[in-house]
Amino acid sequence: MPITITMPALSPTMTEGKLANWQVKEGDSVASGDVLAEIETDKATMEVEAVDEGIVGKILVDGGTENVAVNTPIALLLEEGEDASALDTVSAAAPAPAAAPVEETQVAVTPEAPASPAPAAQTAPDGKRVFSSPLARRIAADAGLDIASISGTGPRGRIVKADVEQYIASGGAKAAPTPVTDTGAAATTAPAPAASATPPHAGEHEEIPLNGMRKTIAKRLTEAKQTIPHFYLTIECELDNLLAMRKELNSRSDEYKISVNDFIIRASALALKKLPAANAIWGGDKILQYKDIDISVAVAVDGGLITPVVRGADQKGLAGISNEMKDLAGKAKEGKLMPEEYQGGCFSISNLGMFGIKEFSAVINPPQSAILAVGAGEQRPVVKDGALAMATVMSVTLSCDHRVIDGAVGAELLQYFKGYIEEPLTMML
């Protein structure tokens, strides 16, 4: 019997992904370890290798297909001795990958307003059952539509979410019957417009589909602002000593090129080591305090951002942190990060100083409990020994989850951080 190849889960949180492209075609022979396809998750593009030997009998999901749910059949592999006729029994016995599981996955990852349960399956006027997904029935009911009047494009004519949205966008939506009171007067409540209807716009525009990364960013940061009680602390750090040390260290060798951000990563890790209470996350009914100090660093990539993790940053020197960050940032921009390279950590750093941003507040990335927003180092007037002087000053703002980090703990963490930044020799101890 042919072997069914399914959409793999490439990370613990993955529920769907984009089948970017196939590296094989129908009729190709494959051996264990051969690359079959490339899958795009919300974080990276990863290769899928064959586990079994055989011949690619049928490709069920085309390359370029988005929102393919985990465990959806994507191809069939013929075993030794089987021919194409074996595919007929599989096609008859196993359902083709349907749009319904994909829709259900989209609902799970896209916050929506609470809605009434989807209407039960309906029948057409001729008595035949109308096959439709629960989400399609709900959208149709909200818009006052007879779902039997909509043509389905899903497997076996099944009506899916996209069909209802297309019907509404083409002007096919009909208002639901207006309720009438006992006196014959129309009720004042009108049916709400479908949530998926195209919003009005002021002029010409380009519609940009959301990739997996942007969907995840939208979901997680909406969740963060709605569920995490943020508070913000800002402190100013003088950089002159740090810049002088950086210049001296970089002049000693061509094997590394230490950046200001490398100092910031190490200073953050050492501050967390001094204050373990801040190296923790919210666990629902408990606080989870970690022993390892892993620092996530935001890296801008096409279509969004990703936060590779420098693990055990308190145990690494500046040169080690610098080289590791260059490697991680390169992988991030190429979409080649492995899940273990961007998952975990309690603390993030987001640095916009290179863009000249003086100061900003960052949104905590769940389930982490803090993120440090780093501004540009710039010449500012300061008072030293009662006299006005000039110094290179950097503003940093710490966003904290108040369920885990109290104000005094956050303030103490910034004091330690400031001490390391302004006296960088102490980072060498």
Protein backbone atom coordinates (compact mmCIF):
# COMPACT_ATOMS: atom_id res chain seq x y z
CA MET A 1 0.00 0.00 0.00
CA PRO A 2 1.40 3.46 -0.86
CA ILE A 3 3.01 5.43 1.96
CA THR A 4 1.26 8.69 2.85
CA ILE A 5 3.60 11.65 3.41
CA THR A 6 2.01 14.25 5.66
CA MET A 7 2.72 17.88 6.48
CA PRO A 8 5.29 17.69 9.31
CA ALA A 9 5.26 19.71 12.53
CA LEU A 10 8.64 21.42 12.42
CA SER A 11 8.29 23.05 15.85
CA PRO A 12 6.22 22.38 18.98
CA THR A 13 3.92 25.35 18.24
CA MET A 14 3.49 24.81 14.49
CA THR A 15 -0.10 24.15 13.39
CA GLU A 16 0.22 25.03 9.72
CA GLY A 17 2.82 26.13 7.20
CA LYS A 18 3.47 26.92 3.58
CA LEU A 19 4.61 24.14 1.26
CA ALA A 20 7.13 26.38 -0.46
CA ASN A 21 8.26 24.01 -3.20
CA TRP A 22 8.85 20.39 -4.11
CA GLN A 23 12.39 19.18 -4.75
CA VAL A 24 11.02 16.05 -6.47
CA LYS A 25 8.32 15.37 -9.05
CA GLU A 26 5.93 12.52 -9.67
CA GLY A 27 7.79 9.46 -10.93
CA ASP A 28 11.07 10.29 -9.18
CA SER A 29 12.77 7.61 -7.12
CA VAL A 30 13.75 8.70 -3.62
CA ALA A 31 15.86 7.15 -0.90
CA SER A 32 15.86 7.73 2.83
CA GLY A 33 17.45 11.11 3.54
CA ASP A 34 16.66 12.66 0.16
CA VAL A 35 15.16 16.15 0.35
CA LEU A 36 11.51 16.04 -0.73
CA ALA A 37 10.31 19.61 -0.20
CA GLU A 38 10.91 22.93 1.52
CA ILE A 39 8.43 24.05 4.17
CA GLU A 40 8.06 27.65 5.33
CA THR A 41 7.01 28.07 8.95
CA ASP A 42 6.39 31.36 10.72
CA LYS A 43 10.12 31.51 11.55
CA ALA A 44 12.18 29.78 8.89
CA THR A 45 12.35 27.67 5.73
CA MET A 46 13.27 24.07 6.43
CA GLU A 47 13.90 20.99 4.29
CA VAL A 48 11.82 17.84 4.66
CA GLU A 49 13.68 14.58 4.08
CA ALA A 50 12.30 11.22 3.01
CA VAL A 51 12.18 8.53 5.67
CA ASP A 52 11.33 5.66 3.33
CA GLU A 53 12.46 4.56 -0.09
CA GLY A 54 10.09 4.50 -3.04
CA ILE A 55 8.74 6.35 -6.05
CA VAL A 56 6.79 9.59 -5.81
CA GLY A 57 3.39 8.35 -6.98
CA LYS A 58 1.27 11.44 -6.51
CA ILE A 59 1.75 14.96 -5.20
CA LEU A 60 -1.42 15.96 -3.35
CA VAL A 61 -0.54 19.55 -2.41
CA ASP A 62 1.12 21.81 -4.96
CA GLY A 63 4.24 23.83 -4.22
CA GLY A 64 3.43 27.36 -3.10
CA THR A 65 0.30 26.32 -1.17
CA GLU A 66 -0.12 28.28 2.05
CA ASN A 67 -1.86 27.39 5.31
CA VAL A 68 -1.36 23.63 4.98
CA ALA A 69 -2.37 22.11 8.32
CA VAL A 70 0.01 19.81 10.14
CA ASN A 71 -0.67 16.10 9.36
CA THR A 72 -2.45 16.91 6.08
CA PRO A 73 -1.48 14.33 3.40
CA ILE A 74 0.78 16.07 0.87
CA ALA A 75 2.08 13.19 -1.25
CA LEU A 76 1.93 9.43 -1.81
CA LEU A 77 5.02 7.25 -2.12
CA LEU A 78 4.84 3.95 -3.99
CA GLU A 79 6.73 1.11 -2.35
CA GLU A 80 8.86 -1.41 -4.22
CA GLY A 81 6.75 -3.51 -6.56
CA GLU A 82 3.76 -1.13 -6.59
CA ASP A 83 2.54 0.68 -9.68
CA ALA A 84 0.23 3.64 -10.25
CA SER A 85 -2.88 1.45 -9.89
CA ALA A 86 -2.19 1.26 -6.15
CA LEU A 87 -2.96 4.96 -5.91
CA ASP A 88 -6.60 4.38 -6.83
CA THR A 89 -7.31 2.40 -3.67
CA VAL A 90 -5.72 5.10 -1.52
CA SER A 91 -7.69 7.86 -3.25
CA ALA A 92 -10.91 5.96 -2.70
CA ALA A 93 -10.20 5.06 0.91
CA ALA A 94 -8.57 8.22 2.19
CA PRO A 95 -10.09 11.72 1.90
CA ALA A 96 -8.15 14.25 -0.10
CA PRO A 97 -6.60 17.11 1.87
CA ALA A 98 -9.53 19.40 2.46
CA ALA A 99 -9.72 23.09 3.12
CA ALA A 100 -11.73 22.57 6.28
CA PRO A 101 -8.79 21.59 8.57
CA VAL A 102 -6.85 24.59 7.30
CA GLU A 103 -9.72 26.89 8.12
CA GLU A 104 -10.02 25.46 11.59
CA THR A 105 -6.29 26.06 12.12
CA GLN A 106 -6.71 29.68 10.96
CA VAL A 107 -9.48 30.20 13.46
CA ALA A 108 -7.27 28.83 16.23
CA VAL A 109 -4.41 31.26 15.55
CA THR A 110 -6.41 34.33 14.59
CA PRO A 111 -8.20 36.05 17.48
CA GLU A 112 -11.85 36.63 16.65
CA ALA A 113 -14.78 38.08 18.52
CA PRO A 114 -16.88 35.41 20.27
CA ALA A 115 -19.44 34.11 17.86
CA SER A 116 -22.50 31.93 18.09
CA PRO A 117 -22.04 28.29 17.18
CA ALA A 118 -22.02 27.58 13.46
CA PRO A 119 -25.43 26.57 12.08
CA ALA A 120 -25.92 22.90 11.46
CA ALA A 121 -25.43 21.46 8.00
CA GLN A 122 -28.20 22.60 5.66
CA THR A 123 -30.10 21.11 2.76
CA ALA A 124 -30.81 22.68 -0.61
CA PRO A 125 -34.39 23.21 -1.85
CA ASP A 126 -34.14 19.95 -3.85
CA GLY A 127 -33.48 18.08 -0.61
CA LYS A 128 -29.81 17.44 -1.21
CA ARG A 129 -27.38 18.08 1.62
CA VAL A 130 -25.17 21.16 1.27
CA PHE A 131 -21.58 20.31 2.20
CA SER A 132 -19.86 23.24 3.92
CA SER A 133 -17.33 23.91 6.66
CA PRO A 134 -18.50 25.18 10.07
CA LEU A 135 -16.68 28.48 9.55
CA ALA A 136 -18.31 28.99 6.14
CA ARG A 137 -21.78 28.36 7.64
CA ARG A 138 -21.11 30.80 10.47
CA ILE A 139 -19.97 33.60 8.14
CA ALA A 140 -22.95 32.98 5.85
CA ALA A 141 -25.37 33.06 8.78
CA ASP A 142 -23.87 36.31 10.12
CA ALA A 143 -24.28 37.90 6.68
CA GLY A 144 -27.85 36.65 6.25
CA LEU A 145 -26.99 34.39 3.32
CA ASP A 146 -28.56 31.17 2.12
CA ILE A 147 -25.45 29.03 1.95
CA ALA A 148 -27.15 26.72 -0.55
CA SER A 149 -26.93 29.54 -3.12
CA ILE A 150 -23.12 29.63 -2.94
CA SER A 151 -20.96 27.48 -5.18
CA GLY A 152 -18.26 25.49 -3.43
CA THR A 153 -14.67 25.13 -4.61
CA GLY A 154 -13.47 22.75 -1.93
CA PRO A 155 -13.05 18.99 -2.32
CA ARG A 156 -16.22 17.38 -3.74
CA GLY A 157 -17.86 20.81 -4.04
CA ARG A 158 -17.57 21.62 -0.34
CA ILE A 159 -18.29 25.28 0.46
CA VAL A 160 -15.37 26.82 2.35
CA LYS A 161 -14.61 30.18 3.95
CA ALA A 162 -13.06 31.62 0.76
CA ASP A 163 -16.23 30.84 -1.21
CA VAL A 164 -18.44 32.79 1.19
CA GLU A 165 -16.00 35.71 1.30
CA GLN A 166 -15.86 35.80 -2.51
CA TYR A 167 -19.66 35.73 -2.68
CA ILE A 168 -19.89 38.66 -0.24
CA ALA A 169 -17.15 40.63 -2.02
CA SER A 170 -18.95 40.22 -5.36
CA GLY A 171 -22.08 41.87 -3.95
CA GLY A 172 -24.02 38.71 -3.32
CA ALA A 173 -24.69 39.39 0.37
CA LYS A 174 -28.37 39.76 1.28
CA ALA A 175 -29.63 41.33 4.46
CA ALA A 176 -31.20 38.99 6.94
CA PRO A 177 -34.96 39.44 7.42
CA THR A 178 -35.67 42.46 9.59
CA PRO A 179 -37.33 41.46 12.89
CA VAL A 180 -40.80 42.93 13.36
CA THR A 181 -42.34 43.78 16.71
CA ASP A 182 -45.91 43.00 17.78
CA THR A 183 -47.06 46.43 16.59
CA GLY A 184 -45.55 45.90 13.16
CA ALA A 185 -42.67 48.35 13.68
CA ALA A 186 -39.26 47.22 12.53
CA ALA A 187 -36.81 46.39 15.29
CA THR A 188 -33.90 48.77 15.64
CA THR A 189 -31.20 46.07 15.58
CA ALA A 190 -29.76 45.25 12.18
CA PRO A 191 -27.55 42.30 11.34
CA ALA A 192 -23.86 43.00 11.84
CA PRO A 193 -21.72 42.95 8.69
CA ALA A 194 -19.61 39.86 8.17
CA ALA A 195 -16.26 40.17 9.91
CA SER A 196 -14.46 38.97 6.81
CA ALA A 197 -16.00 41.48 4.40
CA THR A 198 -13.54 43.73 2.58
CA PRO A 199 -13.32 47.03 4.51
CA PRO A 200 -14.00 50.29 2.70
CA HIS A 201 -10.97 52.17 1.48
CA ALA A 202 -10.21 55.75 0.55
CA GLY A 203 -8.39 55.11 -2.70
CA GLU A 204 -6.22 52.74 -4.65
CA HIS A 205 -4.34 50.26 -2.55
CA GLU A 206 -2.39 47.04 -2.76
CA GLU A 207 -3.58 44.00 -0.85
CA ILE A 208 -0.62 42.24 0.79
CA PRO A 209 -1.35 38.68 1.97
CA LEU A 210 -0.05 37.84 5.43
CA ASN A 211 2.80 35.36 5.55
CA GLY A 212 3.14 32.92 8.41
CA MET A 213 5.59 35.13 10.29
CA ARG A 214 3.36 38.21 10.13
CA LYS A 215 0.34 36.17 11.31
CA THR A 216 2.33 34.93 14.29
CA ILE A 217 3.61 38.42 15.13
CA ALA A 218 0.05 39.78 14.99
CA LYS A 219 -1.31 37.00 17.19
CA ARG A 220 1.43 36.96 19.81
CA LEU A 221 1.81 40.72 20.25
CA THR A 222 -1.95 41.27 20.35
CA GLU A 223 -2.03 38.60 23.04
CA ALA A 224 0.84 40.35 24.83
CA LYS A 225 -0.84 43.76 24.98
CA GLN A 226 -4.20 42.25 25.98
CA THR A 227 -3.02 39.80 28.63
CA ILE A 228 0.33 41.01 29.98
CA PRO A 229 0.29 43.96 32.43
CA HIS A 230 3.21 45.95 31.02
CA PHE A 231 5.03 48.68 32.90
CA TYR A 232 8.05 50.62 31.67
CA LEU A 233 11.28 51.87 33.25
CA THR A 234 13.78 54.12 31.45
CA ILE A 235 17.38 54.85 32.41
CA GLU A 236 20.28 56.67 30.75
CA CYS A 237 23.73 55.14 30.44
CA GLU A 238 26.99 56.89 29.52
CA LEU A 239 28.90 55.04 26.81
CA ASP A 240 32.28 56.78 26.62
CA ASN A 241 34.19 54.14 28.59
CA LEU A 242 32.48 51.34 26.68
CA LEU A 243 33.26 52.91 23.28
CA ALA A 244 36.89 53.35 24.24
CA MET A 245 37.16 49.71 25.35
CA ARG A 246 35.40 48.52 22.17
CA LYS A 247 37.87 50.45 20.03
CA GLU A 248 40.82 49.00 21.94
CA LEU A 249 39.56 45.40 21.75
CA ASN A 250 38.74 45.58 18.04
CA SER A 251 42.21 46.95 17.26
CA ARG A 252 43.85 43.89 18.81
CA SER A 253 42.55 41.22 16.42
CA ASP A 254 40.83 40.66 13.08
CA GLU A 255 39.14 37.49 14.34
CA TYR A 256 36.23 39.40 15.86
CA LYS A 257 34.45 42.72 15.53
CA ILE A 258 32.68 43.52 18.77
CA SER A 259 29.62 45.76 18.52
CA VAL A 260 27.89 47.89 21.15
CA ASN A 261 25.06 45.37 21.00
CA ASP A 262 27.44 42.60 22.10
CA PHE A 263 28.25 44.61 25.22
CA ILE A 264 24.50 45.10 25.82
CA ILE A 265 23.84 41.35 25.56
CA ARG A 266 26.58 40.53 28.06
CA ALA A 267 25.58 43.32 30.43
CA SER A 268 21.95 42.10 30.37
CA ALA A 269 23.01 38.53 31.08
CA LEU A 270 25.28 39.53 33.98
CA ALA A 271 22.54 41.76 35.43
CA LEU A 272 20.10 38.82 35.33
CA LYS A 273 22.73 36.64 37.00
CA LYS A 274 22.95 39.13 39.84
CA LEU A 275 19.15 39.28 40.10
CA PRO A 276 17.76 35.77 39.46
CA ALA A 277 14.23 36.89 40.35
CA ALA A 278 14.07 38.70 36.99
CA ASN A 279 15.14 35.60 35.03
CA ALA A 280 11.65 34.15 35.16
CA ILE A 281 8.36 33.83 33.30
CA TRP A 282 4.69 33.66 34.26
CA GLY A 283 3.42 30.09 34.58
CA GLY A 284 -0.30 30.71 35.07
CA ASP A 285 -0.55 29.76 38.75
CA LYS A 286 3.18 29.91 39.43
CA ILE A 287 6.38 31.75 38.49
CA LEU A 288 9.00 29.74 36.64
CA GLN A 289 12.49 30.96 37.57
CA TYR A 290 15.20 29.69 35.24
CA LYS A 291 18.81 28.86 36.06
CA ASP A 292 20.18 29.25 32.53
CA ILE A 293 20.43 32.82 31.29
CA ASP A 294 19.41 32.91 27.64
CA ILE A 295 19.09 36.25 25.84
CA SER A 296 16.86 36.69 22.78
CA VAL A 297 17.90 39.38 20.32
CA ALA A 298 15.43 40.85 17.81
CA VAL A 299 16.66 40.65 14.20
CA ALA A 300 14.75 42.33 11.36
CA VAL A 301 14.13 40.04 8.36
CA ASP A 302 11.98 40.26 5.25
CA GLY A 303 8.34 40.14 6.31
CA GLY A 304 8.86 40.67 10.03
CA LEU A 305 11.38 39.92 12.76
CA ILE A 306 12.72 36.94 14.64
CA THR A 307 14.55 36.61 17.94
CA PRO A 308 17.48 34.16 17.85
CA VAL A 309 18.70 33.18 21.31
CA VAL A 310 22.22 33.47 22.74
CA ARG A 311 22.17 30.63 25.25
CA GLY A 312 24.18 30.83 28.48
CA ALA A 313 25.14 34.41 27.63
CA ASP A 314 26.49 35.00 31.13
CA GLN A 315 29.07 32.25 30.51
CA LYS A 316 30.37 33.69 27.21
CA GLY A 317 32.88 36.42 26.52
CA LEU A 318 32.34 39.38 24.23
CA ALA A 319 34.14 37.76 21.29
CA GLY A 320 32.09 34.58 21.66
CA ILE A 321 28.83 36.52 21.84
CA SER A 322 29.85 38.61 18.83
CA ASN A 323 30.66 35.62 16.62
CA GLU A 324 27.55 33.72 17.69
CA MET A 325 25.28 36.70 16.99
CA LYS A 326 26.75 37.16 13.50
CA ASP A 327 26.07 33.49 12.76
CA LEU A 328 22.51 33.60 14.17
CA ALA A 329 21.65 36.87 12.42
CA GLY A 330 22.90 35.47 9.11
CA LYS A 331 20.78 32.34 9.48
CA ALA A 332 17.76 34.45 10.48
CA LYS A 333 17.96 36.60 7.35
CA GLU A 334 18.32 33.48 5.17
CA GLY A 335 15.38 31.79 6.93
CA LYS A 336 17.62 28.93 8.06
CA LEU A 337 17.27 29.08 11.84
CA MET A 338 16.42 25.80 13.57
CA PRO A 339 13.64 25.89 16.21
CA GLU A 340 16.12 25.42 19.05
CA GLU A 341 17.92 28.57 17.88
CA TYR A 342 14.94 30.91 18.30
CA GLN A 343 12.80 29.32 21.02
CA GLY A 344 13.16 29.89 24.76
CA GLY A 345 14.68 32.61 26.88
CA CYS A 346 13.07 34.92 29.45
CA PHE A 347 14.54 38.21 28.27
CA SER A 348 14.79 39.99 24.90
CA ILE A 349 16.76 42.92 23.50
CA SER A 350 15.43 45.16 20.73
CA ASN A 351 17.98 47.70 19.49
CA LEU A 352 16.90 50.52 17.15
CA GLY A 353 19.86 52.75 17.94
CA MET A 354 21.36 52.23 14.49
CA PHE A 355 18.29 53.99 13.04
CA GLY A 356 18.80 57.05 15.23
CA ILE A 357 15.84 56.25 17.48
CA LYS A 358 16.46 58.03 20.77
CA GLU A 359 13.99 56.12 22.96
CA PHE A 360 11.08 53.68 22.57
CA SER A 361 9.07 51.06 24.44
CA ALA A 362 8.96 47.49 23.16
CA VAL A 363 6.17 44.90 23.49
CA ILE A 364 7.00 41.79 25.54
CA ASN A 365 7.19 38.59 23.48
CA PRO A 366 5.14 35.91 25.31
CA PRO A 367 5.91 33.89 27.33
CA GLN A 368 8.92 36.04 28.23
CA SER A 369 8.60 38.56 31.04
CA ALA A 370 10.83 41.45 29.91
CA ILE A 371 12.31 43.17 26.88
CA LEU A 372 14.95 45.92 26.79
CA ALA A 373 14.44 48.63 24.16
CA VAL A 374 17.78 50.25 23.27
CA GLY A 375 18.05 53.72 21.75
CA ALA A 376 20.89 55.50 19.98
CA GLY A 377 24.04 56.64 21.72
CA GLU A 378 24.38 60.40 21.16
CA GLN A 379 26.22 63.38 22.55
CA ARG A 380 24.21 65.00 25.35
CA PRO A 381 25.01 67.56 28.06
CA VAL A 382 25.55 65.99 31.49
CA VAL A 383 26.55 67.33 34.89
CA LYS A 384 29.82 65.95 36.30
CA ASP A 385 31.26 67.12 39.59
CA GLY A 386 28.92 70.12 39.53
CA ALA A 387 30.01 71.24 36.06
CA LEU A 388 28.33 70.90 32.68
CA ALA A 389 30.07 68.47 30.30
CA MET A 390 29.35 66.43 27.19
CA ALA A 391 29.05 62.64 27.11
CA THR A 392 27.78 59.93 24.81
CA VAL A 393 24.51 58.85 26.38
CA MET A 394 22.16 55.96 25.53
CA SER A 395 18.56 55.67 26.77
CA VAL A 396 17.17 52.19 27.42
CA THR A 397 13.59 51.29 28.39
CA LEU A 398 12.75 48.04 30.16
CA SER A 399 9.23 46.64 29.56
CA CYS A 400 8.26 44.30 32.40
CA ASP A 401 5.47 41.82 33.05
CA HIS A 402 4.18 43.04 36.41
CA ARG A 403 2.95 39.55 37.29
CA VAL A 404 6.59 38.41 37.45
CA ILE A 405 8.74 41.53 37.91
CA ASP A 406 7.74 44.22 40.40
CA GLY A 407 8.80 47.83 39.99
CA ALA A 408 11.62 47.60 42.52
CA VAL A 409 13.00 44.42 40.88
CA GLY A 410 12.91 46.05 37.44
CA ALA A 411 14.64 49.16 38.77
CA GLU A 412 17.35 47.07 40.46
CA LEU A 413 17.93 45.15 37.22
CA LEU A 414 18.47 48.41 35.33
CA GLN A 415 20.88 49.66 37.99
CA TYR A 416 23.03 46.55 37.53
CA PHE A 417 22.82 46.91 33.75
CA LYS A 418 23.86 50.57 33.91
CA GLY A 419 26.81 49.69 36.14
CA TYR A 420 28.15 47.17 33.63
CA ILE A 421 27.65 49.50 30.66
CA GLU A 422 29.31 52.50 32.29
CA GLU A 423 32.16 50.46 33.81
CA PRO A 424 32.71 47.80 31.12
CA LEU A 425 35.85 46.46 32.80
CA THR A 426 33.57 44.86 35.39
CA MET A 427 32.19 42.63 32.63
CA MET A 428 35.60 41.02 32.37
CA LEU A 429 35.67 39.84 35.98
